């Protein structure tokens, strides 16, 4: 199959998939929210356009590098063997050129049209995910996603810095929310794909310590997440609309985690994983809704 696929020229869709578009959309959305929350009304248009575009290009670059570095594992895993490189649609060389082109374009855009601090922080995040996490942490410890989650939690800070040129404590609260959200989000997927990870020797938490142990940690992290999501209200970043939303959304997430711990059923880990994405999207949406309604009234 790979030989036949390799004869086909790479299509725009193959390159599109290299950039993990669904993941990048969530990254850009949280960066966008961070940018809007950083100012009373509306951020500078140049920062809004080129900041989000530069962050998106950097995220796609990191994703493409991840495809290259994980190619030997992806071909053996059911979840990833349909990616462009395992299929032979895109060569390693093509993927590297594509990733480097996006990365360079991102840095030039952020330095020239946004600010240097945003460019530096974005570059650190890119290296943190594409190199430190993928090459080392992912294969070194079952706590890989806990430590490596820092790179994925950076986008709201990047958006905030793009609009204001400085790091604020409220931006770090948004970082903390995503940092705490990442382990239960990814461990739910790791439970569902435990056999895949075990087959290629990646020491994810459920592979090393089992599903029950992992489910307990998902529950503990979702409880901690609910507590952390109250901080924007306590610091004055958000108001009652956000607070009520955070409590409801967090309560539902904890409900999934309790079921996963006490009454696990087939398909529940993936439903928990799916809800975790919906949860973060709605939580950040309500931060925006609360922010602009408070400005209006």
C-alpha atoms as a PDB file:
ATOM      1  CA  UNK A   1       0.000   0.000   0.000  1.00  0.00           C
ATOM      2  CA  UNK A   2       2.785   2.425   0.900  1.00  0.00           C
ATOM      3  CA  UNK A   3       4.569   1.765  -2.412  1.00  0.00           C
ATOM      4  CA  UNK A   4       1.472   2.537  -4.427  1.00  0.00           C
ATOM      5  CA  UNK A   5       0.663   5.591  -2.318  1.00  0.00           C
ATOM      6  CA  UNK A   6       4.196   6.905  -2.650  1.00  0.00           C
ATOM      7  CA  UNK A   7       3.708   7.142  -6.416  1.00  0.00           C
ATOM      8  CA  UNK A   8       0.943   9.670  -5.924  1.00  0.00           C
ATOM      9  CA  UNK A   9       1.928  13.351  -5.780  1.00  0.00           C
ATOM     10  CA  UNK A  10       1.315  15.058  -2.465  1.00  0.00           C
ATOM     11  CA  UNK A  11      -1.955  16.986  -2.492  1.00  0.00           C
ATOM     12  CA  UNK A  12      -2.911  20.147  -0.640  1.00  0.00           C
ATOM     13  CA  UNK A  13      -5.007  17.970   1.648  1.00  0.00           C
ATOM     14  CA  UNK A  14      -1.962  15.920   2.650  1.00  0.00           C
ATOM     15  CA  UNK A  15      -0.120  19.065   3.670  1.00  0.00           C
ATOM     16  CA  UNK A  16      -3.257  20.320   5.384  1.00  0.00           C
ATOM     17  CA  UNK A  17      -3.397  17.112   7.464  1.00  0.00           C
ATOM     18  CA  UNK A  18       0.305  17.452   8.322  1.00  0.00           C
ATOM     19  CA  UNK A  19      -0.589  20.622  10.196  1.00  0.00           C
ATOM     20  CA  UNK A  20      -3.172  18.842  12.404  1.00  0.00           C
ATOM     21  CA  UNK A  21      -5.884  21.398  11.570  1.00  0.00           C
ATOM     22  CA  UNK A  22      -8.311  20.452  14.359  1.00  0.00           C
ATOM     23  CA  UNK A  23      -5.636  20.846  17.008  1.00  0.00           C
ATOM     24  CA  UNK A  24      -4.397  24.099  15.481  1.00  0.00           C
ATOM     25  CA  UNK A  25      -7.939  25.531  15.439  1.00  0.00           C
ATOM     26  CA  UNK A  26      -8.250  25.006  19.198  1.00  0.00           C
ATOM     27  CA  UNK A  27      -4.785  26.485  19.756  1.00  0.00           C
ATOM     28  CA  UNK A  28      -5.579  29.579  17.706  1.00  0.00           C
ATOM     29  CA  UNK A  29      -8.948  29.980  19.405  1.00  0.00           C
ATOM     30  CA  UNK A  30      -7.395  30.048  22.885  1.00  0.00           C
ATOM     31  CA  UNK A  31      -4.744  32.489  21.630  1.00  0.00           C
ATOM     32  CA  UNK A  32      -7.524  34.654  20.158  1.00  0.00           C
ATOM     33  CA  UNK A  33      -9.372  34.635  23.481  1.00  0.00           C
ATOM     34  CA  UNK A  34      -6.207  35.597  25.350  1.00  0.00           C
ATOM     35  CA  UNK A  35      -5.712  38.460  22.927  1.00  0.00           C
ATOM     36  CA  UNK A  36      -9.252  39.807  23.351  1.00  0.00           C
ATOM     37  CA  UNK A  37      -9.238  39.481  27.138  1.00  0.00           C
ATOM     38  CA  UNK A  38      -6.022  41.479  27.370  1.00  0.00           C
ATOM     39  CA  UNK A  39      -7.621  44.779  26.329  1.00  0.00           C
ATOM     40  CA  UNK A  40     -10.786  46.656  27.371  1.00  0.00           C
ATOM     41  CA  UNK A  41     -12.355  46.670  23.926  1.00  0.00           C
ATOM     42  CA  UNK A  42     -10.503  45.493  20.824  1.00  0.00           C
ATOM     43  CA  UNK A  43      -6.788  44.736  20.229  1.00  0.00           C
ATOM     44  CA  UNK A  44      -4.776  46.467  17.477  1.00  0.00           C
ATOM     45  CA  UNK A  45      -5.820  45.072  14.085  1.00  0.00           C
ATOM     46  CA  UNK A  46      -2.239  44.234  13.100  1.00  0.00           C
ATOM     47  CA  UNK A  47      -1.741  42.176  16.248  1.00  0.00           C
ATOM     48  CA  UNK A  48      -5.128  40.524  15.774  1.00  0.00           C
ATOM     49  CA  UNK A  49      -4.420  39.419  12.195  1.00  0.00           C
ATOM     50  CA  UNK A  50      -0.698  38.724  12.158  1.00  0.00           C
ATOM     51  CA  UNK A  51      -0.523  37.548  15.765  1.00  0.00           C
ATOM     52  CA  UNK A  52      -3.112  34.820  15.278  1.00  0.00           C
ATOM     53  CA  UNK A  53      -1.788  33.900  11.840  1.00  0.00           C
ATOM     54  CA  UNK A  54       1.789  33.686  13.112  1.00  0.00           C
ATOM     55  CA  UNK A  55       0.752  31.516  16.066  1.00  0.00           C
ATOM     56  CA  UNK A  56      -1.276  29.276  13.728  1.00  0.00           C
ATOM     57  CA  UNK A  57       1.677  28.832  11.359  1.00  0.00           C
ATOM     58  CA  UNK A  58       3.988  27.976  14.260  1.00  0.00           C
ATOM     59  CA  UNK A  59       1.482  25.425  15.594  1.00  0.00           C
ATOM     60  CA  UNK A  60       1.185  23.818  12.147  1.00  0.00           C
ATOM     61  CA  UNK A  61       4.972  23.748  11.856  1.00  0.00           C
ATOM     62  CA  UNK A  62       5.260  21.967  15.216  1.00  0.00           C
ATOM     63  CA  UNK A  63       2.563  19.498  14.188  1.00  0.00           C
ATOM     64  CA  UNK A  64       4.347  18.687  10.919  1.00  0.00           C
ATOM     65  CA  UNK A  65       7.640  18.162  12.774  1.00  0.00           C
ATOM     66  CA  UNK A  66       5.758  15.833  15.120  1.00  0.00           C
ATOM     67  CA  UNK A  67       4.575  13.817  12.096  1.00  0.00           C
ATOM     68  CA  UNK A  68       8.165  13.425  10.905  1.00  0.00           C
ATOM     69  CA  UNK A  69       9.602  12.464  14.288  1.00  0.00           C
ATOM     70  CA  UNK A  70       6.776  10.022  15.081  1.00  0.00           C
ATOM     71  CA  UNK A  71       6.653   8.403  11.638  1.00  0.00           C
ATOM     72  CA  UNK A  72       8.142   5.067  12.826  1.00  0.00           C
ATOM     73  CA  UNK A  73       5.491   4.783  15.531  1.00  0.00           C
ATOM     74  CA  UNK A  74       2.554   6.168  13.532  1.00  0.00           C
ATOM     75  CA  UNK A  75       2.655   3.372  10.977  1.00  0.00           C
ATOM     76  CA  UNK A  76       1.984   0.780  13.714  1.00  0.00           C
ATOM     77  CA  UNK A  77      -0.803   2.646  15.519  1.00  0.00           C
ATOM     78  CA  UNK A  78      -4.406   2.418  14.399  1.00  0.00           C
ATOM     79  CA  UNK A  79      -5.094   6.064  15.277  1.00  0.00           C
ATOM     80  CA  UNK A  80      -2.172   7.431  13.247  1.00  0.00           C
ATOM     81  CA  UNK A  81      -1.412   5.002  10.424  1.00  0.00           C
ATOM     82  CA  UNK A  82      -3.672   7.006   8.125  1.00  0.00           C
ATOM     83  CA  UNK A  83      -1.457  10.096   8.363  1.00  0.00           C
ATOM     84  CA  UNK A  84       0.191  11.368   5.158  1.00  0.00           C
ATOM     85  CA  UNK A  85       3.730  10.090   5.897  1.00  0.00           C
ATOM     86  CA  UNK A  86       2.797   6.494   6.900  1.00  0.00           C
ATOM     87  CA  UNK A  87       0.564   6.332   3.819  1.00  0.00           C
ATOM     88  CA  UNK A  88       3.476   7.469   1.646  1.00  0.00           C
ATOM     89  CA  UNK A  89       1.602  10.500   0.341  1.00  0.00           C
ATOM     90  CA  UNK A  90       4.264  12.881   1.687  1.00  0.00           C
ATOM     91  CA  UNK A  91       7.980  12.083   2.011  1.00  0.00           C
ATOM     92  CA  UNK A  92       9.988  12.945   5.104  1.00  0.00           C
ATOM     93  CA  UNK A  93      11.937  15.514   3.102  1.00  0.00           C
ATOM     94  CA  UNK A  94       8.775  17.197   1.861  1.00  0.00           C
ATOM     95  CA  UNK A  95       7.353  17.303   5.391  1.00  0.00           C
ATOM     96  CA  UNK A  96      10.552  18.804   6.814  1.00  0.00           C
ATOM     97  CA  UNK A  97      10.670  21.503   4.112  1.00  0.00           C
ATOM     98  CA  UNK A  98       6.998  22.262   4.726  1.00  0.00           C
ATOM     99  CA  UNK A  99       7.475  22.459   8.516  1.00  0.00           C
ATOM    100  CA  UNK A 100      10.561  24.664   8.262  1.00  0.00           C
ATOM    101  CA  UNK A 101       8.864  26.976   5.766  1.00  0.00           C
ATOM    102  CA  UNK A 102       5.884  27.474   8.069  1.00  0.00           C
ATOM    103  CA  UNK A 103       8.150  27.985  11.069  1.00  0.00           C
ATOM    104  CA  UNK A 104      10.331  30.586   9.360  1.00  0.00           C
ATOM    105  CA  UNK A 105       7.303  32.428   7.966  1.00  0.00           C
ATOM    106  CA  UNK A 106       5.742  32.439  11.426  1.00  0.00           C
ATOM    107  CA  UNK A 107       8.827  33.909  13.081  1.00  0.00           C
ATOM    108  CA  UNK A 108       9.304  36.586  10.402  1.00  0.00           C
ATOM    109  CA  UNK A 109       5.645  37.580  10.671  1.00  0.00           C
ATOM    110  CA  UNK A 110       5.676  37.779  14.474  1.00  0.00           C
ATOM    111  CA  UNK A 111       8.969  39.685  14.673  1.00  0.00           C
ATOM    112  CA  UNK A 112       8.152  42.159  11.899  1.00  0.00           C
ATOM    113  CA  UNK A 113       4.414  42.694  12.370  1.00  0.00           C
ATOM    114  CA  UNK A 114       3.711  41.890  16.047  1.00  0.00           C
ATOM    115  CA  UNK A 115       6.554  42.036  18.603  1.00  0.00           C
ATOM    116  CA  UNK A 116       9.762  40.242  19.502  1.00  0.00           C
ATOM    117  CA  UNK A 117       8.505  38.809  22.804  1.00  0.00           C
ATOM    118  CA  UNK A 118       5.615  37.034  21.077  1.00  0.00           C
ATOM    119  CA  UNK A 119       8.035  35.586  18.526  1.00  0.00           C
ATOM    120  CA  UNK A 120      10.435  34.351  21.216  1.00  0.00           C
ATOM    121  CA  UNK A 121       7.690  32.755  23.331  1.00  0.00           C
ATOM    122  CA  UNK A 122       6.111  31.157  20.256  1.00  0.00           C
ATOM    123  CA  UNK A 123       9.467  29.713  19.198  1.00  0.00           C
ATOM    124  CA  UNK A 124      10.034  28.288  22.685  1.00  0.00           C
ATOM    125  CA  UNK A 125       6.582  26.687  22.585  1.00  0.00           C
ATOM    126  CA  UNK A 126       7.283  25.230  19.132  1.00  0.00           C
ATOM    127  CA  UNK A 127      10.558  23.675  20.291  1.00  0.00           C
ATOM    128  CA  UNK A 128       8.965  22.543  23.546  1.00  0.00           C
ATOM    129  CA  UNK A 129       6.291  20.526  21.753  1.00  0.00           C
ATOM    130  CA  UNK A 130       8.033  19.435  18.564  1.00  0.00           C
ATOM    131  CA  UNK A 131      11.400  18.535  20.096  1.00  0.00           C
ATOM    132  CA  UNK A 132      11.388  18.344  23.911  1.00  0.00           C
ATOM    133  CA  UNK A 133       8.030  16.548  24.210  1.00  0.00           C
ATOM    134  CA  UNK A 134       8.024  14.458  21.033  1.00  0.00           C
ATOM    135  CA  UNK A 135      11.670  13.371  21.071  1.00  0.00           C
ATOM    136  CA  UNK A 136      12.340  13.054  24.805  1.00  0.00           C
ATOM    137  CA  UNK A 137       9.450  13.361  27.259  1.00  0.00           C
ATOM    138  CA  UNK A 138       6.995  11.226  25.306  1.00  0.00           C
ATOM    139  CA  UNK A 139       9.330   8.238  25.538  1.00  0.00           C
ATOM    140  CA  UNK A 140      10.980   8.982  28.889  1.00  0.00           C
ATOM    141  CA  UNK A 141       8.236   9.058  31.521  1.00  0.00           C
ATOM    142  CA  UNK A 142       4.539   8.247  32.080  1.00  0.00           C
ATOM    143  CA  UNK A 143       4.232  11.870  33.237  1.00  0.00           C
ATOM    144  CA  UNK A 144       5.120  12.990  29.696  1.00  0.00           C
ATOM    145  CA  UNK A 145       1.883  14.813  29.024  1.00  0.00           C
ATOM    146  CA  UNK A 146       1.921  16.553  32.423  1.00  0.00           C
ATOM    147  CA  UNK A 147       5.344  18.101  31.831  1.00  0.00           C
ATOM    148  CA  UNK A 148       4.942  18.526  28.080  1.00  0.00           C
ATOM    149  CA  UNK A 149       1.552  20.168  28.533  1.00  0.00           C
ATOM    150  CA  UNK A 150       3.272  23.482  29.178  1.00  0.00           C
ATOM    151  CA  UNK A 151       3.891  23.953  25.445  1.00  0.00           C
ATOM    152  CA  UNK A 152       0.242  23.346  24.619  1.00  0.00           C
ATOM    153  CA  UNK A 153      -0.903  25.708  27.367  1.00  0.00           C
ATOM    154  CA  UNK A 154       1.065  28.672  25.997  1.00  0.00           C
ATOM    155  CA  UNK A 155      -1.316  30.036  23.276  1.00  0.00           C
ATOM    156  CA  UNK A 156      -3.432  32.321  25.539  1.00  0.00           C
ATOM    157  CA  UNK A 157      -0.204  33.869  26.827  1.00  0.00           C
ATOM    158  CA  UNK A 158       1.031  34.296  23.258  1.00  0.00           C
ATOM    159  CA  UNK A 159      -2.198  36.028  22.289  1.00  0.00           C
ATOM    160  CA  UNK A 160      -2.053  38.266  25.343  1.00  0.00           C
ATOM    161  CA  UNK A 161       1.561  39.257  24.632  1.00  0.00           C
ATOM    162  CA  UNK A 162       0.807  39.841  20.949  1.00  0.00           C
ATOM    163  CA  UNK A 163      -1.807  42.452  21.912  1.00  0.00           C
ATOM    164  CA  UNK A 164      -0.037  44.093  24.856  1.00  0.00           C
ATOM    165  CA  UNK A 165       3.665  43.335  24.510  1.00  0.00           C
ATOM    166  CA  UNK A 166       3.902  41.998  28.050  1.00  0.00           C
ATOM    167  CA  UNK A 167       3.048  38.983  30.216  1.00  0.00           C
ATOM    168  CA  UNK A 168       0.260  39.539  32.738  1.00  0.00           C
ATOM    169  CA  UNK A 169      -0.779  37.426  35.733  1.00  0.00           C
ATOM    170  CA  UNK A 170      -4.213  36.931  34.144  1.00  0.00           C
ATOM    171  CA  UNK A 171      -2.561  35.479  31.050  1.00  0.00           C
ATOM    172  CA  UNK A 172      -0.787  33.017  33.326  1.00  0.00           C
ATOM    173  CA  UNK A 173      -4.159  32.004  34.798  1.00  0.00           C
ATOM    174  CA  UNK A 174      -5.341  31.063  31.307  1.00  0.00           C
ATOM    175  CA  UNK A 175      -2.100  29.131  30.869  1.00  0.00           C
ATOM    176  CA  UNK A 176      -2.748  27.304  34.148  1.00  0.00           C
ATOM    177  CA  UNK A 177      -6.262  26.287  33.099  1.00  0.00           C
ATOM    178  CA  UNK A 178      -5.041  24.608  29.913  1.00  0.00           C
ATOM    179  CA  UNK A 179      -2.022  23.130  31.714  1.00  0.00           C
ATOM    180  CA  UNK A 180      -4.295  21.375  34.254  1.00  0.00           C
ATOM    181  CA  UNK A 181      -6.837  20.450  31.546  1.00  0.00           C
ATOM    182  CA  UNK A 182      -4.267  18.670  29.352  1.00  0.00           C
ATOM    183  CA  UNK A 183      -3.596  15.517  31.443  1.00  0.00           C
ATOM    184  CA  UNK A 184      -7.241  14.397  31.910  1.00  0.00           C
ATOM    185  CA  UNK A 185      -7.938  15.320  28.289  1.00  0.00           C
ATOM    186  CA  UNK A 186      -5.085  13.244  26.911  1.00  0.00           C
ATOM    187  CA  UNK A 187      -5.218  10.392  29.443  1.00  0.00           C
ATOM    188  CA  UNK A 188      -8.804   9.664  28.391  1.00  0.00           C
ATOM    189  CA  UNK A 189      -7.505   9.190  24.838  1.00  0.00           C
ATOM    190  CA  UNK A 190      -4.557   7.157  26.150  1.00  0.00           C
ATOM    191  CA  UNK A 191      -6.948   4.746  27.880  1.00  0.00           C
ATOM    192  CA  UNK A 192      -8.884   4.277  24.643  1.00  0.00           C
ATOM    193  CA  UNK A 193      -5.655   3.748  22.668  1.00  0.00           C
ATOM    194  CA  UNK A 194      -3.738   1.905  25.379  1.00  0.00           C
ATOM    195  CA  UNK A 195      -2.975  -1.124  23.184  1.00  0.00           C
ATOM    196  CA  UNK A 196      -1.616   1.124  20.421  1.00  0.00           C
ATOM    197  CA  UNK A 197       0.774   2.869  22.805  1.00  0.00           C
ATOM    198  CA  UNK A 198       1.845  -0.418  24.392  1.00  0.00           C
ATOM    199  CA  UNK A 199       2.552  -1.920  20.973  1.00  0.00           C
ATOM    200  CA  UNK A 200       5.067   0.795  20.067  1.00  0.00           C
ATOM    201  CA  UNK A 201       6.557   1.080  23.557  1.00  0.00           C
ATOM    202  CA  UNK A 202       5.389   4.594  24.453  1.00  0.00           C
ATOM    203  CA  UNK A 203       5.059   4.714  28.282  1.00  0.00           C
ATOM    204  CA  UNK A 204       1.717   6.441  28.608  1.00  0.00           C
ATOM    205  CA  UNK A 205       0.193   6.349  32.088  1.00  0.00           C
ATOM    206  CA  UNK A 206      -2.401   3.594  31.408  1.00  0.00           C
ATOM    207  CA  UNK A 207       0.297   1.441  29.766  1.00  0.00           C
ATOM    208  CA  UNK A 208       2.622   1.590  32.767  1.00  0.00           C
ATOM    209  CA  UNK A 209       0.192   1.832  35.697  1.00  0.00           C
ATOM    210  CA  UNK A 210      -3.068   0.532  34.266  1.00  0.00           C
ATOM    211  CA  UNK A 211      -6.508   1.930  33.496  1.00  0.00           C
ATOM    212  CA  UNK A 212      -7.780   2.119  37.094  1.00  0.00           C
ATOM    213  CA  UNK A 213      -4.784   4.155  38.245  1.00  0.00           C
ATOM    214  CA  UNK A 214      -5.135   6.470  35.248  1.00  0.00           C
ATOM    215  CA  UNK A 215      -8.877   6.903  35.819  1.00  0.00           C
ATOM    216  CA  UNK A 216      -8.203   7.961  39.400  1.00  0.00           C
ATOM    217  CA  UNK A 217      -5.735  10.587  38.198  1.00  0.00           C
ATOM    218  CA  UNK A 218      -8.211  11.845  35.605  1.00  0.00           C
ATOM    219  CA  UNK A 219     -10.754  12.341  38.390  1.00  0.00           C
ATOM    220  CA  UNK A 220      -8.247  14.127  40.647  1.00  0.00           C
ATOM    221  CA  UNK A 221      -7.147  16.422  37.831  1.00  0.00           C
ATOM    222  CA  UNK A 222     -10.723  17.306  36.838  1.00  0.00           C
ATOM    223  CA  UNK A 223     -11.461  18.285  40.456  1.00  0.00           C
ATOM    224  CA  UNK A 224      -8.308  20.409  40.485  1.00  0.00           C
ATOM    225  CA  UNK A 225      -9.330  21.864  37.123  1.00  0.00           C
ATOM    226  CA  UNK A 226     -12.692  22.983  38.490  1.00  0.00           C
ATOM    227  CA  UNK A 227     -10.907  24.762  41.343  1.00  0.00           C
ATOM    228  CA  UNK A 228      -8.420  26.430  38.989  1.00  0.00           C
ATOM    229  CA  UNK A 229     -11.167  27.656  36.658  1.00  0.00           C
ATOM    230  CA  UNK A 230     -12.610  29.694  39.550  1.00  0.00           C
ATOM    231  CA  UNK A 231      -9.476  31.845  39.687  1.00  0.00           C
ATOM    232  CA  UNK A 232     -10.420  34.199  36.797  1.00  0.00           C
ATOM    233  CA  UNK A 233     -13.542  35.150  38.755  1.00  0.00           C
ATOM    234  CA  UNK A 234     -11.629  35.564  42.019  1.00  0.00           C
ATOM    235  CA  UNK A 235      -9.017  37.834  40.400  1.00  0.00           C
ATOM    236  CA  UNK A 236     -11.622  39.961  38.630  1.00  0.00           C
ATOM    237  CA  UNK A 237     -10.749  38.818  35.106  1.00  0.00           C
ATOM    238  CA  UNK A 238     -14.301  37.511  34.676  1.00  0.00           C
ATOM    239  CA  UNK A 239     -17.729  37.824  36.259  1.00  0.00           C
ATOM    240  CA  UNK A 240     -20.762  35.776  37.257  1.00  0.00           C
ATOM    241  CA  UNK A 241     -21.636  34.572  33.763  1.00  0.00           C
ATOM    242  CA  UNK A 242     -18.265  32.898  33.452  1.00  0.00           C
ATOM    243  CA  UNK A 243     -18.373  31.593  37.033  1.00  0.00           C
ATOM    244  CA  UNK A 244     -21.706  29.828  36.551  1.00  0.00           C
ATOM    245  CA  UNK A 245     -20.538  28.414  33.212  1.00  0.00           C
ATOM    246  CA  UNK A 246     -17.262  27.154  34.708  1.00  0.00           C
ATOM    247  CA  UNK A 247     -19.133  25.405  37.524  1.00  0.00           C
ATOM    248  CA  UNK A 248     -21.607  23.719  35.161  1.00  0.00           C
ATOM    249  CA  UNK A 249     -19.021  22.690  32.570  1.00  0.00           C
ATOM    250  CA  UNK A 250     -16.612  21.518  35.263  1.00  0.00           C
ATOM    251  CA  UNK A 251     -19.338  19.564  37.024  1.00  0.00           C
ATOM    252  CA  UNK A 252     -20.144  17.705  33.804  1.00  0.00           C
ATOM    253  CA  UNK A 253     -16.438  16.941  33.276  1.00  0.00           C
ATOM    254  CA  UNK A 254     -16.178  15.582  36.828  1.00  0.00           C
ATOM    255  CA  UNK A 255     -19.268  13.473  36.125  1.00  0.00           C
ATOM    256  CA  UNK A 256     -17.505  11.877  33.163  1.00  0.00           C
ATOM    257  CA  UNK A 257     -14.420  11.286  35.316  1.00  0.00           C
ATOM    258  CA  UNK A 258     -16.467   9.635  38.105  1.00  0.00           C
ATOM    259  CA  UNK A 259     -18.130   7.300  35.620  1.00  0.00           C
ATOM    260  CA  UNK A 260     -14.755   6.494  34.115  1.00  0.00           C
ATOM    261  CA  UNK A 261     -13.453   5.571  37.580  1.00  0.00           C
ATOM    262  CA  UNK A 262     -16.460   3.731  38.998  1.00  0.00           C
ATOM    263  CA  UNK A 263     -18.412   2.374  36.025  1.00  0.00           C
ATOM    264  CA  UNK A 264     -16.169   2.275  32.960  1.00  0.00           C
ATOM    265  CA  UNK A 265     -17.900   1.149  29.783  1.00  0.00           C
ATOM    266  CA  UNK A 266     -16.684   0.607  26.261  1.00  0.00           C
ATOM    267  CA  UNK A 267     -16.532   3.901  24.425  1.00  0.00           C
ATOM    268  CA  UNK A 268     -16.617   6.030  27.599  1.00  0.00           C
ATOM    269  CA  UNK A 269     -12.922   7.051  27.407  1.00  0.00           C
ATOM    270  CA  UNK A 270     -13.410   8.469  23.893  1.00  0.00           C
ATOM    271  CA  UNK A 271     -16.620  10.219  24.936  1.00  0.00           C
ATOM    272  CA  UNK A 272     -14.709  11.739  27.854  1.00  0.00           C
ATOM    273  CA  UNK A 273     -11.957  12.796  25.465  1.00  0.00           C
ATOM    274  CA  UNK A 274     -14.527  14.325  23.121  1.00  0.00           C
ATOM    275  CA  UNK A 275     -16.235  16.208  25.949  1.00  0.00           C
ATOM    276  CA  UNK A 276     -12.894  17.558  27.169  1.00  0.00           C
ATOM    277  CA  UNK A 277     -12.452  19.358  23.839  1.00  0.00           C
ATOM    278  CA  UNK A 278     -16.004  20.716  23.982  1.00  0.00           C
ATOM    279  CA  UNK A 279     -15.397  21.740  27.591  1.00  0.00           C
ATOM    280  CA  UNK A 280     -12.328  23.839  26.837  1.00  0.00           C
ATOM    281  CA  UNK A 281     -13.932  25.443  23.800  1.00  0.00           C
ATOM    282  CA  UNK A 282     -17.063  26.430  25.737  1.00  0.00           C
ATOM    283  CA  UNK A 283     -15.098  27.566  28.784  1.00  0.00           C
ATOM    284  CA  UNK A 284     -13.013  29.995  26.719  1.00  0.00           C
ATOM    285  CA  UNK A 285     -16.094  31.071  24.786  1.00  0.00           C
ATOM    286  CA  UNK A 286     -17.782  32.004  28.057  1.00  0.00           C
ATOM    287  CA  UNK A 287     -14.717  33.981  29.100  1.00  0.00           C
ATOM    288  CA  UNK A 288     -15.255  36.081  25.968  1.00  0.00           C
ATOM    289  CA  UNK A 289     -19.021  36.375  26.409  1.00  0.00           C
ATOM    290  CA  UNK A 290     -18.583  37.469  30.010  1.00  0.00           C
ATOM    291  CA  UNK A 291     -15.827  39.932  29.066  1.00  0.00           C
ATOM    292  CA  UNK A 292     -17.859  41.773  26.413  1.00  0.00           C
ATOM    293  CA  UNK A 293     -21.174  41.678  28.249  1.00  0.00           C
ATOM    294  CA  UNK A 294     -19.514  43.287  31.249  1.00  0.00           C
ATOM    295  CA  UNK A 295     -18.074  45.982  28.963  1.00  0.00           C
ATOM    296  CA  UNK A 296     -21.499  46.582  27.442  1.00  0.00           C
ATOM    297  CA  UNK A 297     -23.480  46.725  30.665  1.00  0.00           C
END
